[in-house]
PDB file of all heavy atoms in Angstrom:
ATOM      1  N   GLN A   1      20.388   3.016 -11.599  1.00  0.00           N
ATOM      2  CA  GLN A   1      21.441   2.186 -12.203  1.00  0.00           C
ATOM      3  C   GLN A   1      22.575   2.037 -11.204  1.00  0.00           C
ATOM      4  O   GLN A   1      22.783   2.888 -10.336  1.00  0.00           O
ATOM      5  CB  GLN A   1      21.952   2.793 -13.503  1.00  0.00           C
ATOM      6  CG  GLN A   1      22.703   4.119 -13.336  1.00  0.00           C
ATOM      7  CD  GLN A   1      23.100   4.716 -14.662  1.00  0.00           C
ATOM      8  OE1 GLN A   1      22.294   5.348 -15.311  1.00  0.00           O
ATOM      9  NE2 GLN A   1      24.332   4.496 -15.052  1.00  0.00           N
ATOM     10  N   TYR A   2      23.311   0.894 -11.303  1.00  0.00           N
ATOM     11  CA  TYR A   2      24.490   0.657 -10.482  1.00  0.00           C
ATOM     12  C   TYR A   2      25.699   1.328 -11.141  1.00  0.00           C
ATOM     13  O   TYR A   2      26.023   1.007 -12.281  1.00  0.00           O
ATOM     14  CB  TYR A   2      24.798  -0.849 -10.367  1.00  0.00           C
ATOM     15  CG  TYR A   2      23.951  -1.609  -9.399  1.00  0.00           C
ATOM     16  CD1 TYR A   2      23.016  -2.539  -9.835  1.00  0.00           C
ATOM     17  CD2 TYR A   2      24.065  -1.395  -8.031  1.00  0.00           C
ATOM     18  CE1 TYR A   2      22.251  -3.269  -8.952  1.00  0.00           C
ATOM     19  CE2 TYR A   2      23.306  -2.103  -7.136  1.00  0.00           C
ATOM     20  CZ  TYR A   2      22.405  -3.071  -7.599  1.00  0.00           C
ATOM     21  OH  TYR A   2      21.634  -3.756  -6.709  1.00  0.00           O
ATOM     22  N   HIS A   3      26.315   2.253 -10.449  1.00  0.00           N
ATOM     23  CA  HIS A   3      27.539   2.900 -10.934  1.00  0.00           C
ATOM     24  C   HIS A   3      27.352   3.306 -12.432  1.00  0.00           C
ATOM     25  O   HIS A   3      26.447   4.040 -12.736  1.00  0.00           O
ATOM     26  CB  HIS A   3      28.747   1.988 -10.750  1.00  0.00           C
ATOM     27  CG  HIS A   3      28.940   1.590  -9.328  1.00  0.00           C
ATOM     28  ND1 HIS A   3      29.312   2.460  -8.329  1.00  0.00           N
ATOM     29  CD2 HIS A   3      28.800   0.376  -8.703  1.00  0.00           C
ATOM     30  CE1 HIS A   3      29.405   1.856  -7.186  1.00  0.00           C
ATOM     31  NE2 HIS A   3      29.090   0.588  -7.372  1.00  0.00           N
ATOM     32  N   ALA A   4      28.195   2.803 -13.298  1.00  0.00           N
ATOM     33  CA  ALA A   4      28.096   3.160 -14.717  1.00  0.00           C
ATOM     34  C   ALA A   4      27.439   2.072 -15.542  1.00  0.00           C
ATOM     35  O   ALA A   4      27.584   2.034 -16.767  1.00  0.00           O
ATOM     36  CB  ALA A   4      29.498   3.469 -15.265  1.00  0.00           C
ATOM     37  N   GLU A   5      26.714   1.167 -14.876  1.00  0.00           N
ATOM     38  CA  GLU A   5      26.097   0.070 -15.606  1.00  0.00           C
ATOM     39  C   GLU A   5      24.847   0.521 -16.335  1.00  0.00           C
ATOM     40  O   GLU A   5      24.390   1.667 -16.202  1.00  0.00           O
ATOM     41  CB  GLU A   5      25.758  -1.082 -14.623  1.00  0.00           C
ATOM     42  CG  GLU A   5      26.976  -1.712 -14.017  1.00  0.00           C
ATOM     43  CD  GLU A   5      26.600  -2.831 -13.041  1.00  0.00           C
ATOM     44  OE1 GLU A   5      25.446  -3.268 -13.084  1.00  0.00           O
ATOM     45  OE2 GLU A   5      27.465  -3.264 -12.287  1.00  0.00           O
ATOM     46  N   THR A   6      24.261  -0.399 -17.120  1.00  0.00           N
ATOM     47  CA  THR A   6      23.034  -0.098 -17.848  1.00  0.00           C
ATOM     48  C   THR A   6      21.928   0.293 -16.904  1.00  0.00           C
ATOM     49  O   THR A   6      21.812  -0.213 -15.789  1.00  0.00           O
ATOM     50  CB  THR A   6      22.624  -1.349 -18.661  1.00  0.00           C
ATOM     51  OG1 THR A   6      23.732  -1.748 -19.460  1.00  0.00           O
ATOM     52  CG2 THR A   6      21.449  -1.009 -19.573  1.00  0.00           C
ATOM     53  N   GLN A   7      21.056   1.220 -17.381  1.00  0.00           N
ATOM     54  CA  GLN A   7      19.911   1.644 -16.574  1.00  0.00           C
ATOM     55  C   GLN A   7      19.005   0.455 -16.271  1.00  0.00           C
ATOM     56  O   GLN A   7      18.545  -0.242 -17.155  1.00  0.00           O
ATOM     57  CB  GLN A   7      19.102   2.688 -17.370  1.00  0.00           C
ATOM     58  CG  GLN A   7      18.182   3.524 -16.530  1.00  0.00           C
ATOM     59  CD  GLN A   7      18.821   4.818 -16.075  1.00  0.00           C
ATOM     60  OE1 GLN A   7      20.021   4.947 -16.116  1.00  0.00           O
ATOM     61  NE2 GLN A   7      18.021   5.760 -15.653  1.00  0.00           N
ATOM     62  N   LEU A   8      18.755   0.209 -14.980  1.00  0.00           N
ATOM     63  CA  LEU A   8      17.912  -0.895 -14.571  1.00  0.00           C
ATOM     64  C   LEU A   8      16.450  -0.499 -14.493  1.00  0.00           C
ATOM     65  O   LEU A   8      15.555  -1.283 -14.793  1.00  0.00           O
ATOM     66  CB  LEU A   8      18.358  -1.450 -13.212  1.00  0.00           C
ATOM     67  CG  LEU A   8      19.786  -1.991 -13.145  1.00  0.00           C
ATOM     68  CD1 LEU A   8      20.122  -2.448 -11.730  1.00  0.00           C
ATOM     69  CD2 LEU A   8      19.971  -3.128 -14.137  1.00  0.00           C
ATOM     70  N   ILE A   9      16.192   0.749 -14.081  1.00  0.00           N
ATOM     71  CA  ILE A   9      14.835   1.296 -14.037  1.00  0.00           C
ATOM     72  C   ILE A   9      14.889   2.620 -14.785  1.00  0.00           C
ATOM     73  O   ILE A   9      15.758   3.439 -14.544  1.00  0.00           O
ATOM     74  CB  ILE A   9      14.361   1.525 -12.570  1.00  0.00           C
ATOM     75  CG1 ILE A   9      14.234   0.203 -11.836  1.00  0.00           C
ATOM     76  CG2 ILE A   9      13.041   2.266 -12.575  1.00  0.00           C
ATOM     77  CD1 ILE A   9      13.124  -0.668 -12.323  1.00  0.00           C
ATOM     78  N   ASP A  10      13.922   2.831 -15.687  1.00  0.00           N
ATOM     79  CA  ASP A  10      13.953   4.037 -16.493  1.00  0.00           C
ATOM     80  C   ASP A  10      12.559   4.665 -16.552  1.00  0.00           C
ATOM     81  O   ASP A  10      11.619   4.041 -17.092  1.00  0.00           O
ATOM     82  CB  ASP A  10      14.445   3.686 -17.907  1.00  0.00           C
ATOM     83  CG  ASP A  10      14.645   4.918 -18.769  1.00  0.00           C
ATOM     84  OD1 ASP A  10      14.684   6.037 -18.226  1.00  0.00           O
ATOM     85  OD2 ASP A  10      14.750   4.759 -20.008  1.00  0.00           O
ATOM     86  N   ASP A  11      12.401   5.843 -15.955  1.00  0.00           N
ATOM     87  CA  ASP A  11      11.139   6.593 -15.959  1.00  0.00           C
ATOM     88  C   ASP A  11       9.969   5.704 -15.525  1.00  0.00           C
ATOM     89  O   ASP A  11       8.929   5.616 -16.205  1.00  0.00           O
ATOM     90  CB  ASP A  11      10.886   7.172 -17.361  1.00  0.00           C
ATOM     91  CG  ASP A  11       9.790   8.249 -17.339  1.00  0.00           C
ATOM     92  OD1 ASP A  11       9.609   8.886 -16.276  1.00  0.00           O
ATOM     93  OD2 ASP A  11       9.130   8.421 -18.377  1.00  0.00           O
ATOM     94  N   PHE A  12      10.152   5.045 -14.388  1.00  0.00           N
ATOM     95  CA  PHE A  12       9.145   4.125 -13.860  1.00  0.00           C
ATOM     96  C   PHE A  12       8.120   4.908 -13.043  1.00  0.00           C
ATOM     97  O   PHE A  12       8.487   5.609 -12.089  1.00  0.00           O
ATOM     98  CB  PHE A  12       9.838   3.072 -12.993  1.00  0.00           C
ATOM     99  CG  PHE A  12       8.915   1.995 -12.498  1.00  0.00           C
ATOM    100  CD1 PHE A  12       8.606   0.919 -13.296  1.00  0.00           C
ATOM    101  CD2 PHE A  12       8.380   2.046 -11.221  1.00  0.00           C
ATOM    102  CE1 PHE A  12       7.784  -0.094 -12.831  1.00  0.00           C
ATOM    103  CE2 PHE A  12       7.543   1.077 -10.757  1.00  0.00           C
ATOM    104  CZ  PHE A  12       7.250  -0.028 -11.574  1.00  0.00           C
ATOM    105  N   HIS A  13       6.857   4.762 -13.405  1.00  0.00           N
ATOM    106  CA  HIS A  13       5.788   5.517 -12.717  1.00  0.00           C
ATOM    107  C   HIS A  13       4.687   4.530 -12.300  1.00  0.00           C
ATOM    108  O   HIS A  13       4.193   3.751 -13.123  1.00  0.00           O
ATOM    109  CB  HIS A  13       5.217   6.585 -13.628  1.00  0.00           C
ATOM    110  CG  HIS A  13       4.261   7.511 -12.904  1.00  0.00           C
ATOM    111  ND1 HIS A  13       4.713   8.540 -12.089  1.00  0.00           N
ATOM    112  CD2 HIS A  13       2.923   7.563 -12.882  1.00  0.00           C
ATOM    113  CE1 HIS A  13       3.670   9.185 -11.594  1.00  0.00           C
ATOM    114  NE2 HIS A  13       2.564   8.612 -12.075  1.00  0.00           N
ATOM    115  N   LEU A  14       4.326   4.533 -10.988  1.00  0.00           N
ATOM    116  CA  LEU A  14       3.343   3.598 -10.486  1.00  0.00           C
ATOM    117  C   LEU A  14       2.710   4.132  -9.207  1.00  0.00           C
ATOM    118  O   LEU A  14       3.406   4.643  -8.322  1.00  0.00           O
ATOM    119  CB  LEU A  14       4.008   2.245 -10.215  1.00  0.00           C
ATOM    120  CG  LEU A  14       3.136   1.149  -9.577  1.00  0.00           C
ATOM    121  CD1 LEU A  14       2.003   0.724 -10.519  1.00  0.00           C
ATOM    122  CD2 LEU A  14       3.993  -0.057  -9.189  1.00  0.00           C
ATOM    123  N   HIS A  15       1.388   4.023  -9.120  1.00  0.00           N
ATOM    124  CA  HIS A  15       0.658   4.345  -7.888  1.00  0.00           C
ATOM    125  C   HIS A  15      -0.053   3.087  -7.387  1.00  0.00           C
ATOM    126  O   HIS A  15      -0.752   2.430  -8.170  1.00  0.00           O
ATOM    127  CB  HIS A  15      -0.362   5.457  -8.111  1.00  0.00           C
ATOM    128  CG  HIS A  15      -1.225   5.710  -6.920  1.00  0.00           C
ATOM    129  ND1 HIS A  15      -0.813   6.431  -5.819  1.00  0.00           N
ATOM    130  CD2 HIS A  15      -2.520   5.301  -6.648  1.00  0.00           C
ATOM    131  CE1 HIS A  15      -1.788   6.459  -4.926  1.00  0.00           C
ATOM    132  NE2 HIS A  15      -2.840   5.790  -5.401  1.00  0.00           N
ATOM    133  N   ILE A  16       0.147   2.752  -6.117  1.00  0.00           N
ATOM    134  CA  ILE A  16      -0.533   1.596  -5.504  1.00  0.00           C
ATOM    135  C   ILE A  16      -1.331   2.105  -4.323  1.00  0.00           C
ATOM    136  O   ILE A  16      -0.780   2.661  -3.362  1.00  0.00           O
ATOM    137  CB  ILE A  16       0.506   0.553  -5.036  1.00  0.00           C
ATOM    138  CG1 ILE A  16       1.395   0.110  -6.200  1.00  0.00           C
ATOM    139  CG2 ILE A  16      -0.209  -0.661  -4.419  1.00  0.00           C
ATOM    140  CD1 ILE A  16       2.522  -0.811  -5.796  1.00  0.00           C
ATOM    141  N   GLY A  17      -2.648   1.963  -4.408  1.00  0.00           N
ATOM    142  CA  GLY A  17      -3.506   2.442  -3.353  1.00  0.00           C
ATOM    143  C   GLY A  17      -3.572   1.512  -2.161  1.00  0.00           C
ATOM    144  O   GLY A  17      -3.133   0.345  -2.228  1.00  0.00           O
ATOM    145  N   PRO A  18      -4.101   1.967  -1.026  1.00  0.00           N
ATOM    146  CA  PRO A  18      -4.221   1.126   0.180  1.00  0.00           C
ATOM    147  C   PRO A  18      -5.028  -0.131  -0.088  1.00  0.00           C
ATOM    148  O   PRO A  18      -6.107  -0.077  -0.679  1.00  0.00           O
ATOM    149  CB  PRO A  18      -4.939   2.047   1.176  1.00  0.00           C
ATOM    150  CG  PRO A  18      -4.685   3.439   0.685  1.00  0.00           C
ATOM    151  CD  PRO A  18      -4.608   3.335  -0.808  1.00  0.00           C
ATOM    152  N   GLY A  19      -4.491  -1.278   0.298  1.00  0.00           N
ATOM    153  CA  GLY A  19      -5.185  -2.544   0.153  1.00  0.00           C
ATOM    154  C   GLY A  19      -5.172  -3.130  -1.237  1.00  0.00           C
ATOM    155  O   GLY A  19      -5.740  -4.191  -1.475  1.00  0.00           O
ATOM    156  N   GLU A  20      -4.493  -2.490  -2.176  1.00  0.00           N
ATOM    157  CA  GLU A  20      -4.494  -2.964  -3.560  1.00  0.00           C
ATOM    158  C   GLU A  20      -3.545  -4.150  -3.713  1.00  0.00           C
ATOM    159  O   GLU A  20      -2.493  -4.242  -3.046  1.00  0.00           O
ATOM    160  CB  GLU A  20      -4.082  -1.837  -4.495  1.00  0.00           C
ATOM    161  CG  GLU A  20      -4.373  -2.149  -5.952  1.00  0.00           C
ATOM    162  CD  GLU A  20      -4.134  -0.941  -6.859  1.00  0.00           C
ATOM    163  OE1 GLU A  20      -3.671   0.096  -6.357  1.00  0.00           O
ATOM    164  OE2 GLU A  20      -4.395  -1.060  -8.070  1.00  0.00           O
ATOM    165  N   LYS A  21      -3.922  -5.080  -4.587  1.00  0.00           N
ATOM    166  CA  LYS A  21      -3.107  -6.283  -4.843  1.00  0.00           C
ATOM    167  C   LYS A  21      -2.482  -6.146  -6.235  1.00  0.00           C
ATOM    168  O   LYS A  21      -3.167  -6.100  -7.244  1.00  0.00           O
ATOM    169  CB  LYS A  21      -3.960  -7.561  -4.795  1.00  0.00           C
ATOM    170  CG  LYS A  21      -4.817  -7.704  -3.523  1.00  0.00           C
ATOM    171  CD  LYS A  21      -3.943  -7.953  -2.309  1.00  0.00           C
ATOM    172  CE  LYS A  21      -4.764  -8.281  -1.073  1.00  0.00           C
ATOM    173  NZ  LYS A  21      -5.567  -7.156  -0.571  1.00  0.00           N
ATOM    174  N   ILE A  22      -1.119  -6.064  -6.256  1.00  0.00           N
ATOM    175  CA  ILE A  22      -0.392  -5.843  -7.487  1.00  0.00           C
ATOM    176  C   ILE A  22       0.553  -7.012  -7.743  1.00  0.00           C
ATOM    177  O   ILE A  22       1.264  -7.443  -6.844  1.00  0.00           O
ATOM    178  CB  ILE A  22       0.432  -4.545  -7.414  1.00  0.00           C
ATOM    179  CG1 ILE A  22      -0.471  -3.335  -7.188  1.00  0.00           C
ATOM    180  CG2 ILE A  22       1.266  -4.353  -8.690  1.00  0.00           C
ATOM    181  CD1 ILE A  22      -1.377  -3.027  -8.348  1.00  0.00           C
ATOM    182  N   ALA A  23       0.556  -7.515  -8.959  1.00  0.00           N
ATOM    183  CA  ALA A  23       1.525  -8.538  -9.376  1.00  0.00           C
ATOM    184  C   ALA A  23       2.464  -7.901 -10.408  1.00  0.00           C
ATOM    185  O   ALA A  23       2.012  -7.185 -11.306  1.00  0.00           O
ATOM    186  CB  ALA A  23       0.838  -9.754  -9.975  1.00  0.00           C
ATOM    187  N   ILE A  24       3.764  -8.176 -10.267  1.00  0.00           N
ATOM    188  CA  ILE A  24       4.765  -7.653 -11.228  1.00  0.00           C
ATOM    189  C   ILE A  24       5.456  -8.835 -11.881  1.00  0.00           C
ATOM    190  O   ILE A  24       6.097  -9.659 -11.237  1.00  0.00           O
ATOM    191  CB  ILE A  24       5.825  -6.782 -10.500  1.00  0.00           C
ATOM    192  CG1 ILE A  24       5.121  -5.630  -9.756  1.00  0.00           C
ATOM    193  CG2 ILE A  24       6.798  -6.203 -11.514  1.00  0.00           C
ATOM    194  CD1 ILE A  24       6.062  -4.737  -8.994  1.00  0.00           C
ATOM    195  N   LEU A  25       5.272  -8.951 -13.204  1.00  0.00           N
ATOM    196  CA  LEU A  25       5.862 -10.022 -13.975  1.00  0.00           C
ATOM    197  C   LEU A  25       6.956  -9.459 -14.873  1.00  0.00           C
ATOM    198  O   LEU A  25       7.095  -8.243 -15.025  1.00  0.00           O
ATOM    199  CB  LEU A  25       4.795 -10.693 -14.853  1.00  0.00           C
ATOM    200  CG  LEU A  25       3.508 -11.157 -14.176  1.00  0.00           C
ATOM    201  CD1 LEU A  25       2.547 -11.684 -15.198  1.00  0.00           C
ATOM    202  CD2 LEU A  25       3.821 -12.219 -13.121  1.00  0.00           C
ATOM    203  N   GLY A  26       7.702 -10.367 -15.494  1.00  0.00           N
ATOM    204  CA  GLY A  26       8.744  -9.933 -16.426  1.00  0.00           C
ATOM    205  C   GLY A  26       9.942 -10.844 -16.375  1.00  0.00           C
ATOM    206  O   GLY A  26      10.171 -11.556 -15.412  1.00  0.00           O
ATOM    207  N   PRO A  27      10.743 -10.830 -17.438  1.00  0.00           N
ATOM    208  CA  PRO A  27      11.946 -11.692 -17.487  1.00  0.00           C
ATOM    209  C   PRO A  27      12.985 -11.242 -16.462  1.00  0.00           C
ATOM    210  O   PRO A  27      12.928 -10.131 -15.937  1.00  0.00           O
ATOM    211  CB  PRO A  27      12.449 -11.507 -18.914  1.00  0.00           C
ATOM    212  CG  PRO A  27      11.953 -10.152 -19.328  1.00  0.00           C
ATOM    213  CD  PRO A  27      10.616  -9.987 -18.637  1.00  0.00           C
ATOM    214  N   SER A  28      13.950 -12.101 -16.194  1.00  0.00           N
ATOM    215  CA  SER A  28      15.051 -11.751 -15.301  1.00  0.00           C
ATOM    216  C   SER A  28      15.808 -10.550 -15.884  1.00  0.00           C
ATOM    217  O   SER A  28      16.049 -10.486 -17.085  1.00  0.00           O
ATOM    218  CB  SER A  28      16.021 -12.914 -15.135  1.00  0.00           C
ATOM    219  OG  SER A  28      15.383 -13.975 -14.474  1.00  0.00           O
ATOM    220  N   GLY A  29      16.169  -9.600 -15.003  1.00  0.00           N
ATOM    221  CA  GLY A  29      16.846  -8.413 -15.470  1.00  0.00           C
ATOM    222  C   GLY A  29      15.918  -7.303 -15.908  1.00  0.00           C
ATOM    223  O   GLY A  29      16.380  -6.239 -16.361  1.00  0.00           O
ATOM    224  N   ALA A  30      14.608  -7.519 -15.795  1.00  0.00           N
ATOM    225  CA  ALA A  30      13.631  -6.510 -16.241  1.00  0.00           C
ATOM    226  C   ALA A  30      13.539  -5.348 -15.258  1.00  0.00           C
ATOM    227  O   ALA A  30      13.035  -4.293 -15.601  1.00  0.00           O
ATOM    228  CB  ALA A  30      12.261  -7.148 -16.432  1.00  0.00           C
ATOM    229  N   GLY A  31      13.975  -5.540 -14.016  1.00  0.00           N
ATOM    230  CA  GLY A  31      13.930  -4.481 -13.009  1.00  0.00           C
ATOM    231  C   GLY A  31      12.967  -4.739 -11.870  1.00  0.00           C
ATOM    232  O   GLY A  31      12.790  -3.868 -11.015  1.00  0.00           O
ATOM    233  N   LYS A  32      12.399  -5.952 -11.812  1.00  0.00           N
ATOM    234  CA  LYS A  32      11.407  -6.242 -10.753  1.00  0.00           C
ATOM    235  C   LYS A  32      12.037  -6.171  -9.365  1.00  0.00           C
ATOM    236  O   LYS A  32      11.478  -5.497  -8.462  1.00  0.00           O
ATOM    237  CB  LYS A  32      10.820  -7.649 -10.972  1.00  0.00           C
ATOM    238  CG  LYS A  32      10.228  -7.884 -12.348  1.00  0.00           C
ATOM    239  CD  LYS A  32       9.531  -9.215 -12.460  1.00  0.00           C
ATOM    240  CE  LYS A  32      10.442 -10.398 -12.186  1.00  0.00           C
ATOM    241  NZ  LYS A  32      11.545 -10.501 -13.176  1.00  0.00           N
ATOM    242  N   SER A  33      13.161  -6.834  -9.179  1.00  0.00           N
ATOM    243  CA  SER A  33      13.797  -6.832  -7.863  1.00  0.00           C
ATOM    244  C   SER A  33      14.290  -5.449  -7.478  1.00  0.00           C
ATOM    245  O   SER A  33      14.270  -5.075  -6.303  1.00  0.00           O
ATOM    246  CB  SER A  33      14.982  -7.819  -7.854  1.00  0.00           C
ATOM    247  OG  SER A  33      14.530  -9.133  -8.063  1.00  0.00           O
ATOM    248  N   THR A  34      14.712  -4.660  -8.480  1.00  0.00           N
ATOM    249  CA  THR A  34      15.160  -3.294  -8.193  1.00  0.00           C
ATOM    250  C   THR A  34      14.009  -2.464  -7.655  1.00  0.00           C
ATOM    251  O   THR A  34      14.198  -1.653  -6.735  1.00  0.00           O
ATOM    252  CB  THR A  34      15.727  -2.659  -9.472  1.00  0.00           C
ATOM    253  OG1 THR A  34      16.745  -3.492  -9.994  1.00  0.00           O
ATOM    254  CG2 THR A  34      16.283  -1.272  -9.202  1.00  0.00           C
ATOM    255  N   VAL A  35      12.808  -2.682  -8.173  1.00  0.00           N
ATOM    256  CA  VAL A  35      11.615  -1.964  -7.680  1.00  0.00           C
ATOM    257  C   VAL A  35      11.411  -2.267  -6.204  1.00  0.00           C
ATOM    258  O   VAL A  35      11.139  -1.352  -5.386  1.00  0.00           O
ATOM    259  CB  VAL A  35      10.372  -2.348  -8.494  1.00  0.00           C
ATOM    260  CG1 VAL A  35       9.102  -1.865  -7.827  1.00  0.00           C
ATOM    261  CG2 VAL A  35      10.473  -1.792  -9.921  1.00  0.00           C
ATOM    262  N   LEU A  36      11.569  -3.528  -5.825  1.00  0.00           N
ATOM    263  CA  LEU A  36      11.396  -3.898  -4.417  1.00  0.00           C
ATOM    264  C   LEU A  36      12.455  -3.248  -3.526  1.00  0.00           C
ATOM    265  O   LEU A  36      12.153  -2.802  -2.429  1.00  0.00           O
ATOM    266  CB  LEU A  36      11.437  -5.415  -4.261  1.00  0.00           C
ATOM    267  CG  LEU A  36      10.372  -6.218  -4.997  1.00  0.00           C
ATOM    268  CD1 LEU A  36      10.447  -7.689  -4.598  1.00  0.00           C
ATOM    269  CD2 LEU A  36       8.979  -5.674  -4.747  1.00  0.00           C
ATOM    270  N   LYS A  37      13.687  -3.233  -3.985  1.00  0.00           N
ATOM    271  CA  LYS A  37      14.764  -2.642  -3.176  1.00  0.00           C
ATOM    272  C   LYS A  37      14.547  -1.143  -2.998  1.00  0.00           C
ATOM    273  O   LYS A  37      14.808  -0.609  -1.920  1.00  0.00           O
ATOM    274  CB  LYS A  37      16.108  -2.909  -3.874  1.00  0.00           C
ATOM    275  CG  LYS A  37      16.497  -4.387  -3.942  1.00  0.00           C
ATOM    276  CD  LYS A  37      17.690  -4.584  -4.844  1.00  0.00           C
ATOM    277  CE  LYS A  37      17.957  -6.076  -5.048  1.00  0.00           C
ATOM    278  NZ  LYS A  37      19.067  -6.307  -6.009  1.00  0.00           N
ATOM    279  N   LEU A  38      14.077  -0.489  -4.036  1.00  0.00           N
ATOM    280  CA  LEU A  38      13.763   0.943  -3.920  1.00  0.00           C
ATOM    281  C   LEU A  38      12.620   1.178  -2.938  1.00  0.00           C
ATOM    282  O   LEU A  38      12.636   2.130  -2.158  1.00  0.00           O
ATOM    283  CB  LEU A  38      13.410   1.505  -5.297  1.00  0.00           C
ATOM    284  CG  LEU A  38      14.569   1.603  -6.305  1.00  0.00           C
ATOM    285  CD1 LEU A  38      14.042   1.871  -7.706  1.00  0.00           C
ATOM    286  CD2 LEU A  38      15.549   2.703  -5.908  1.00  0.00           C
ATOM    287  N   LEU A  39      11.612   0.283  -2.964  1.00  0.00           N
ATOM    288  CA  LEU A  39      10.494   0.421  -2.031  1.00  0.00           C
ATOM    289  C   LEU A  39      10.962   0.231  -0.607  1.00  0.00           C
ATOM    290  O   LEU A  39      10.482   0.931   0.311  1.00  0.00           O
ATOM    291  CB  LEU A  39       9.432  -0.622  -2.382  1.00  0.00           C
ATOM    292  CG  LEU A  39       8.245  -0.728  -1.421  1.00  0.00           C
ATOM    293  CD1 LEU A  39       7.468   0.592  -1.370  1.00  0.00           C
ATOM    294  CD2 LEU A  39       7.327  -1.893  -1.804  1.00  0.00           C
ATOM    295  N   GLN A  40      11.908  -0.674  -0.372  1.00  0.00           N
ATOM    296  CA  GLN A  40      12.414  -0.924   0.979  1.00  0.00           C
ATOM    297  C   GLN A  40      13.349   0.189   1.462  1.00  0.00           C
ATOM    298  O   GLN A  40      13.719   0.183   2.647  1.00  0.00           O
ATOM    299  CB  GLN A  40      13.163  -2.258   1.018  1.00  0.00           C
ATOM    300  CG  GLN A  40      12.242  -3.458   0.847  1.00  0.00           C
ATOM    301  CD  GLN A  40      13.031  -4.756   0.756  1.00  0.00           C
ATOM    302  OE1 GLN A  40      13.645  -5.070  -0.274  1.00  0.00           O
ATOM    303  NE2 GLN A  40      13.045  -5.499   1.833  1.00  0.00           N
TER     304      GLN A  40
END
């Protein structure tokens, strides 16, 4: 979460194996972009 804002990602668990193709869908604000930033 950003500072004292609402939790953007909560108990998120995911394993992606080598060469696997994953698509992440969801409405705006669901946390998709946050997942990418954490990965980077």
